[in-house]
Amino acid sequence: MTIRIGWGDADKAYIYVQFIGYWTLQEYDAVCKKWSELIQQVDAPLSVIANFADSQGTPRDAWRHVAQSLPSFMEKGEIIIILGMSAVLDAYNHLSMSISPETAERIKTLPTLLAALDYLKQHKH
């Protein structure tokens, strides 16, 4: 599988998703299913770090798939941080036109994993 998903830390404070190489929409759907399983394990709102730095781009119309999956994230999600923006820029531009401003405010793009972790630490306080 070219998408990995799991807890980002021992405290289950955030979920880490890593997109590697060429991934498919079927793999993305499997990640959404795993996301649903993970969020059942905690009561607190969760953040997600989606790392696209090792991705070779996005499948055709991936933005539609992502837009359809965002409502399930927003039920228990807090912030989505996107890393490796250059790999998904076109899909993100399409996505940003298809989501509500309230959802868009909760999506951040940052350059590195360290910057993402610092952001989450500051946001929790």
N, C-alpha and C. Protein backbone atom coordinates (compact mmCIF):
# COMPACT_ATOMS: atom_id res chain seq x y z
N MET A 1 0.85 -1.18 0.00
CA MET A 1 0.00 0.00 0.00
C MET A 1 0.89 1.24 0.00
N THR A 2 0.55 2.20 -0.80
CA THR A 2 1.38 3.41 -0.89
C THR A 2 0.82 4.57 -0.07
N ILE A 3 -0.14 4.27 0.80
CA ILE A 3 -0.60 5.26 1.78
C ILE A 3 -0.54 4.58 3.14
N ARG A 4 0.16 5.21 4.06
CA ARG A 4 0.24 4.68 5.43
C ARG A 4 -0.56 5.58 6.35
N ILE A 5 -1.23 4.98 7.32
CA ILE A 5 -2.01 5.75 8.28
C ILE A 5 -1.83 5.12 9.66
N GLY A 6 -1.72 5.96 10.66
CA GLY A 6 -1.61 5.48 12.03
C GLY A 6 -1.52 6.64 13.00
N TRP A 7 -1.38 6.31 14.26
CA TRP A 7 -1.23 7.36 15.27
C TRP A 7 0.11 8.03 15.10
N GLY A 8 0.13 9.34 15.22
CA GLY A 8 1.36 10.11 15.09
C GLY A 8 2.18 10.15 16.36
N ASP A 9 1.54 9.86 17.50
CA ASP A 9 2.25 9.85 18.77
C ASP A 9 1.58 8.87 19.72
N ALA A 10 2.27 8.59 20.82
CA ALA A 10 1.77 7.62 21.79
C ALA A 10 0.50 8.10 22.50
N ASP A 11 0.29 9.41 22.55
CA ASP A 11 -0.89 9.97 23.22
C ASP A 11 -2.14 9.97 22.34
N LYS A 12 -2.01 9.52 21.12
CA LYS A 12 -3.12 9.52 20.16
C LYS A 12 -3.72 10.92 19.99
N ALA A 13 -2.82 11.90 19.90
CA ALA A 13 -3.25 13.29 19.75
C ALA A 13 -3.49 13.66 18.30
N TYR A 14 -2.85 12.94 17.39
CA TYR A 14 -3.05 13.22 15.97
C TYR A 14 -2.81 11.96 15.15
N ILE A 15 -3.36 11.96 13.96
CA ILE A 15 -3.19 10.85 13.03
C ILE A 15 -2.23 11.30 11.94
N TYR A 16 -1.30 10.43 11.59
CA TYR A 16 -0.31 10.73 10.57
C TYR A 16 -0.61 9.87 9.34
N VAL A 17 -0.73 10.53 8.19
CA VAL A 17 -0.99 9.83 6.93
C VAL A 17 0.14 10.20 5.97
N GLN A 18 0.79 9.19 5.42
CA GLN A 18 1.89 9.42 4.49
C GLN A 18 1.53 8.84 3.12
N PHE A 19 1.56 9.69 2.11
CA PHE A 19 1.28 9.30 0.73
C PHE A 19 2.62 9.10 0.03
N ILE A 20 2.82 7.90 -0.56
CA ILE A 20 4.12 7.55 -1.15
C ILE A 20 3.91 7.16 -2.61
N GLY A 21 4.73 7.73 -3.47
CA GLY A 21 4.70 7.35 -4.88
C GLY A 21 3.35 7.60 -5.52
N TYR A 22 2.95 6.67 -6.36
CA TYR A 22 1.67 6.76 -7.04
C TYR A 22 0.65 5.97 -6.24
N TRP A 23 -0.37 6.62 -5.77
CA TRP A 23 -1.41 5.97 -4.97
C TRP A 23 -2.73 6.06 -5.71
N THR A 24 -3.66 5.21 -5.32
CA THR A 24 -4.93 5.13 -6.03
C THR A 24 -6.08 5.62 -5.15
N LEU A 25 -7.20 5.86 -5.78
CA LEU A 25 -8.39 6.25 -5.03
C LEU A 25 -8.90 5.10 -4.16
N GLN A 26 -8.67 3.86 -4.59
CA GLN A 26 -9.05 2.71 -3.78
C GLN A 26 -8.22 2.69 -2.50
N GLU A 27 -6.94 3.01 -2.60
CA GLU A 27 -6.09 3.08 -1.41
C GLU A 27 -6.55 4.22 -0.49
N TYR A 28 -6.94 5.33 -1.09
CA TYR A 28 -7.46 6.44 -0.30
C TYR A 28 -8.73 6.02 0.44
N ASP A 29 -9.61 5.29 -0.22
CA ASP A 29 -10.83 4.81 0.43
C ASP A 29 -10.50 3.90 1.62
N ALA A 30 -9.47 3.07 1.48
CA ALA A 30 -9.04 2.20 2.58
C ALA A 30 -8.53 3.03 3.75
N VAL A 31 -7.85 4.12 3.45
CA VAL A 31 -7.37 5.03 4.50
C VAL A 31 -8.55 5.67 5.22
N CYS A 32 -9.57 6.06 4.48
CA CYS A 32 -10.77 6.65 5.11
C CYS A 32 -11.43 5.65 6.05
N LYS A 33 -11.46 4.38 5.66
CA LYS A 33 -12.03 3.35 6.52
C LYS A 33 -11.18 3.20 7.79
N LYS A 34 -9.88 3.20 7.64
CA LYS A 34 -8.98 3.09 8.80
C LYS A 34 -9.14 4.32 9.70
N TRP A 35 -9.29 5.51 9.09
CA TRP A 35 -9.54 6.73 9.85
C TRP A 35 -10.76 6.54 10.74
N SER A 36 -11.84 6.00 10.19
CA SER A 36 -13.06 5.78 10.95
C SER A 36 -12.82 4.86 12.15
N GLU A 37 -11.98 3.86 11.96
CA GLU A 37 -11.65 2.96 13.06
C GLU A 37 -10.82 3.67 14.13
N LEU A 38 -9.85 4.46 13.71
CA LEU A 38 -8.98 5.15 14.67
C LEU A 38 -9.75 6.15 15.52
N ILE A 39 -10.64 6.91 14.90
CA ILE A 39 -11.31 7.97 15.67
C ILE A 39 -12.25 7.39 16.72
N GLN A 40 -12.63 6.13 16.57
CA GLN A 40 -13.47 5.49 17.59
C GLN A 40 -12.69 5.21 18.87
N GLN A 41 -11.37 5.25 18.81
CA GLN A 41 -10.52 4.92 19.96
C GLN A 41 -10.33 6.07 20.93
N VAL A 42 -10.71 7.29 20.55
CA VAL A 42 -10.51 8.46 21.41
C VAL A 42 -11.76 9.32 21.44
N ASP A 43 -11.87 10.12 22.50
CA ASP A 43 -13.01 11.03 22.62
C ASP A 43 -12.66 12.44 22.17
N ALA A 44 -11.41 12.82 22.30
CA ALA A 44 -10.99 14.19 22.00
C ALA A 44 -10.95 14.43 20.49
N PRO A 45 -11.13 15.69 20.08
CA PRO A 45 -10.96 16.03 18.66
C PRO A 45 -9.53 15.70 18.21
N LEU A 46 -9.39 15.29 16.97
CA LEU A 46 -8.10 14.89 16.43
C LEU A 46 -7.65 15.80 15.31
N SER A 47 -6.35 15.92 15.21
CA SER A 47 -5.75 16.59 14.06
C SER A 47 -5.15 15.53 13.16
N VAL A 48 -4.92 15.90 11.91
CA VAL A 48 -4.31 15.00 10.94
C VAL A 48 -3.15 15.71 10.27
N ILE A 49 -2.03 15.02 10.17
CA ILE A 49 -0.93 15.49 9.33
C ILE A 49 -0.92 14.58 8.11
N ALA A 50 -1.17 15.17 6.94
CA ALA A 50 -1.17 14.44 5.67
C ALA A 50 0.10 14.82 4.93
N ASN A 51 1.04 13.89 4.85
CA ASN A 51 2.34 14.16 4.26
C ASN A 51 2.39 13.66 2.82
N PHE A 52 2.42 14.61 1.90
CA PHE A 52 2.49 14.30 0.47
C PHE A 52 3.90 14.47 -0.10
N ALA A 53 4.88 14.71 0.77
CA ALA A 53 6.24 14.99 0.29
C ALA A 53 6.80 13.88 -0.59
N ASP A 54 6.41 12.63 -0.32
CA ASP A 54 6.91 11.50 -1.11
C ASP A 54 5.93 11.02 -2.16
N SER A 55 4.85 11.78 -2.35
CA SER A 55 3.84 11.42 -3.34
C SER A 55 4.31 11.87 -4.73
N GLN A 56 3.87 11.14 -5.72
CA GLN A 56 4.19 11.51 -7.11
C GLN A 56 3.01 12.21 -7.76
N GLY A 57 2.19 12.86 -6.96
CA GLY A 57 1.01 13.54 -7.48
C GLY A 57 -0.25 12.89 -6.96
N THR A 58 -1.36 13.25 -7.55
CA THR A 58 -2.64 12.70 -7.11
C THR A 58 -3.35 12.04 -8.28
N PRO A 59 -4.18 11.04 -7.99
CA PRO A 59 -4.97 10.43 -9.07
C PRO A 59 -5.93 11.46 -9.66
N ARG A 60 -6.36 11.21 -10.86
CA ARG A 60 -7.31 12.09 -11.52
C ARG A 60 -8.57 12.23 -10.66
N ASP A 61 -9.03 13.45 -10.50
CA ASP A 61 -10.23 13.76 -9.72
C ASP A 61 -10.12 13.39 -8.24
N ALA A 62 -8.91 13.31 -7.72
CA ALA A 62 -8.73 13.01 -6.30
C ALA A 62 -9.42 14.05 -5.43
N TRP A 63 -9.45 15.28 -5.88
CA TRP A 63 -10.05 16.35 -5.08
C TRP A 63 -11.52 16.06 -4.80
N ARG A 64 -12.22 15.44 -5.75
CA ARG A 64 -13.64 15.10 -5.51
C ARG A 64 -13.77 14.05 -4.42
N HIS A 65 -12.89 13.08 -4.48
CA HIS A 65 -12.88 12.03 -3.47
C HIS A 65 -12.61 12.63 -2.09
N VAL A 66 -11.64 13.50 -2.03
CA VAL A 66 -11.28 14.13 -0.75
C VAL A 66 -12.44 14.99 -0.26
N ALA A 67 -13.04 15.76 -1.13
CA ALA A 67 -14.17 16.61 -0.74
C ALA A 67 -15.31 15.77 -0.15
N GLN A 68 -15.54 14.60 -0.72
CA GLN A 68 -16.60 13.72 -0.21
C GLN A 68 -16.25 13.13 1.15
N SER A 69 -14.95 12.96 1.42
CA SER A 69 -14.55 12.36 2.69
C SER A 69 -14.40 13.38 3.82
N LEU A 70 -14.34 14.65 3.50
CA LEU A 70 -14.12 15.67 4.53
C LEU A 70 -15.22 15.74 5.59
N PRO A 71 -16.49 15.56 5.26
CA PRO A 71 -17.50 15.61 6.32
C PRO A 71 -17.25 14.60 7.45
N SER A 72 -16.77 13.40 7.13
CA SER A 72 -16.50 12.43 8.19
C SER A 72 -15.34 12.90 9.06
N PHE A 73 -14.36 13.57 8.46
CA PHE A 73 -13.27 14.12 9.26
C PHE A 73 -13.78 15.24 10.16
N MET A 74 -14.60 16.08 9.64
CA MET A 74 -15.04 17.26 10.38
C MET A 74 -15.89 16.90 11.60
N GLU A 75 -16.48 15.71 11.61
CA GLU A 75 -17.25 15.29 12.77
C GLU A 75 -16.39 15.25 14.02
N LYS A 76 -15.18 14.77 13.90
CA LYS A 76 -14.30 14.62 15.06
C LYS A 76 -12.95 15.26 14.83
N GLY A 77 -12.74 15.79 13.66
CA GLY A 77 -11.45 16.37 13.33
C GLY A 77 -11.29 17.78 13.83
N GLU A 78 -10.06 18.17 13.96
CA GLU A 78 -9.76 19.51 14.42
C GLU A 78 -9.04 20.29 13.32
N ILE A 79 -7.86 19.86 12.97
CA ILE A 79 -7.05 20.54 11.96
C ILE A 79 -6.48 19.50 11.01
N ILE A 80 -6.40 19.83 9.73
CA ILE A 80 -5.67 19.03 8.76
C ILE A 80 -4.46 19.85 8.34
N ILE A 81 -3.29 19.27 8.51
CA ILE A 81 -2.06 19.93 8.06
C ILE A 81 -1.54 19.15 6.87
N ILE A 82 -1.31 19.86 5.77
CA ILE A 82 -0.81 19.24 4.55
C ILE A 82 0.67 19.59 4.39
N LEU A 83 1.49 18.56 4.22
CA LEU A 83 2.91 18.72 3.94
C LEU A 83 3.15 18.29 2.50
N GLY A 84 4.18 18.86 1.87
CA GLY A 84 4.49 18.49 0.49
C GLY A 84 3.46 19.02 -0.48
N MET A 85 3.07 20.25 -0.29
CA MET A 85 1.99 20.86 -1.06
C MET A 85 2.23 20.82 -2.57
N SER A 86 3.47 20.90 -3.00
CA SER A 86 3.74 20.94 -4.44
C SER A 86 3.22 19.70 -5.16
N ALA A 87 3.16 18.57 -4.45
CA ALA A 87 2.70 17.33 -5.07
C ALA A 87 1.19 17.31 -5.28
N VAL A 88 0.46 18.14 -4.55
CA VAL A 88 -1.00 18.09 -4.61
C VAL A 88 -1.62 19.45 -4.90
N LEU A 89 -0.84 20.37 -5.39
CA LEU A 89 -1.30 21.74 -5.56
C LEU A 89 -2.54 21.84 -6.45
N ASP A 90 -2.54 21.19 -7.59
CA ASP A 90 -3.72 21.27 -8.47
C ASP A 90 -4.96 20.70 -7.80
N ALA A 91 -4.81 19.54 -7.15
CA ALA A 91 -5.96 18.93 -6.47
C ALA A 91 -6.44 19.84 -5.34
N TYR A 92 -5.51 20.44 -4.61
CA TYR A 92 -5.90 21.33 -3.51
C TYR A 92 -6.63 22.56 -4.04
N ASN A 93 -6.18 23.11 -5.15
CA ASN A 93 -6.86 24.27 -5.72
C ASN A 93 -8.30 23.94 -6.10
N HIS A 94 -8.52 22.76 -6.69
CA HIS A 94 -9.89 22.33 -7.00
C HIS A 94 -10.69 22.11 -5.73
N LEU A 95 -10.07 21.46 -4.76
CA LEU A 95 -10.74 21.17 -3.50
C LEU A 95 -11.18 22.45 -2.79
N SER A 96 -10.32 23.44 -2.79
CA SER A 96 -10.61 24.68 -2.07
C SER A 96 -11.85 25.38 -2.63
N MET A 97 -12.19 25.12 -3.88
CA MET A 97 -13.39 25.71 -4.47
C MET A 97 -14.65 24.93 -4.11
N SER A 98 -14.48 23.72 -3.55
CA SER A 98 -15.61 22.84 -3.30
C SER A 98 -15.95 22.66 -1.83
N ILE A 99 -15.27 23.36 -0.95
CA ILE A 99 -15.52 23.17 0.48
C ILE A 99 -15.95 24.49 1.11
N SER A 100 -16.61 24.37 2.24
CA SER A 100 -17.10 25.56 2.93
C SER A 100 -15.94 26.35 3.54
N PRO A 101 -16.12 27.64 3.74
CA PRO A 101 -15.07 28.45 4.39
C PRO A 101 -14.72 27.93 5.78
N GLU A 102 -15.70 27.40 6.51
CA GLU A 102 -15.43 26.87 7.85
C GLU A 102 -14.48 25.68 7.79
N THR A 103 -14.65 24.85 6.79
CA THR A 103 -13.76 23.71 6.61
C THR A 103 -12.39 24.18 6.13
N ALA A 104 -12.37 25.10 5.19
CA ALA A 104 -11.11 25.61 4.64
C ALA A 104 -10.23 26.21 5.73
N GLU A 105 -10.82 26.86 6.74
CA GLU A 105 -10.04 27.45 7.82
C GLU A 105 -9.29 26.41 8.63
N ARG A 106 -9.78 25.20 8.60
CA ARG A 106 -9.17 24.13 9.40
C ARG A 106 -8.11 23.35 8.65
N ILE A 107 -7.81 23.77 7.43
CA ILE A 107 -6.78 23.12 6.62
C ILE A 107 -5.59 24.07 6.53
N LYS A 108 -4.44 23.60 6.96
CA LYS A 108 -3.20 24.39 6.94
C LYS A 108 -2.20 23.69 6.03
N THR A 109 -1.36 24.46 5.38
CA THR A 109 -0.26 23.89 4.62
C THR A 109 1.03 24.38 5.26
N LEU A 110 1.92 23.45 5.54
CA LEU A 110 3.20 23.78 6.16
C LEU A 110 4.31 23.06 5.42
N PRO A 111 5.55 23.55 5.54
CA PRO A 111 6.63 23.00 4.72
C PRO A 111 7.27 21.70 5.23
N THR A 112 7.24 21.47 6.56
CA THR A 112 7.95 20.32 7.11
C THR A 112 7.16 19.66 8.23
N LEU A 113 7.53 18.44 8.55
CA LEU A 113 6.91 17.74 9.66
C LEU A 113 7.19 18.47 10.98
N LEU A 114 8.39 18.97 11.15
CA LEU A 114 8.73 19.71 12.37
C LEU A 114 7.83 20.94 12.52
N ALA A 115 7.60 21.66 11.44
CA ALA A 115 6.72 22.83 11.48
C ALA A 115 5.29 22.39 11.85
N ALA A 116 4.86 21.25 11.33
CA ALA A 116 3.52 20.75 11.64
C ALA A 116 3.40 20.40 13.11
N LEU A 117 4.40 19.72 13.65
CA LEU A 117 4.37 19.34 15.06
C LEU A 117 4.40 20.57 15.96
N ASP A 118 5.20 21.56 15.60
CA ASP A 118 5.23 22.82 16.36
C ASP A 118 3.87 23.50 16.32
N TYR A 119 3.25 23.52 15.16
CA TYR A 119 1.94 24.13 15.02
C TYR A 119 0.91 23.44 15.92
N LEU A 120 0.91 22.10 15.89
CA LEU A 120 -0.04 21.36 16.72
C LEU A 120 0.19 21.63 18.20
N LYS A 121 1.45 21.68 18.60
CA LYS A 121 1.77 21.93 20.00
C LYS A 121 1.25 23.30 20.41
N GLN A 122 1.45 24.32 19.59
CA GLN A 122 0.97 25.67 19.91
C GLN A 122 -0.55 25.73 19.89
N HIS A 123 -1.16 25.00 18.99
CA HIS A 123 -2.63 25.05 18.86
C HIS A 123 -3.32 24.40 20.05
N LYS A 124 -2.69 23.41 20.66
CA LYS A 124 -3.30 22.70 21.78
C LYS A 124 -3.32 23.54 23.04
N HIS A 125 -2.50 24.57 23.10
CA HIS A 125 -2.42 25.39 24.33
C HIS A 125 -3.20 26.66 24.22
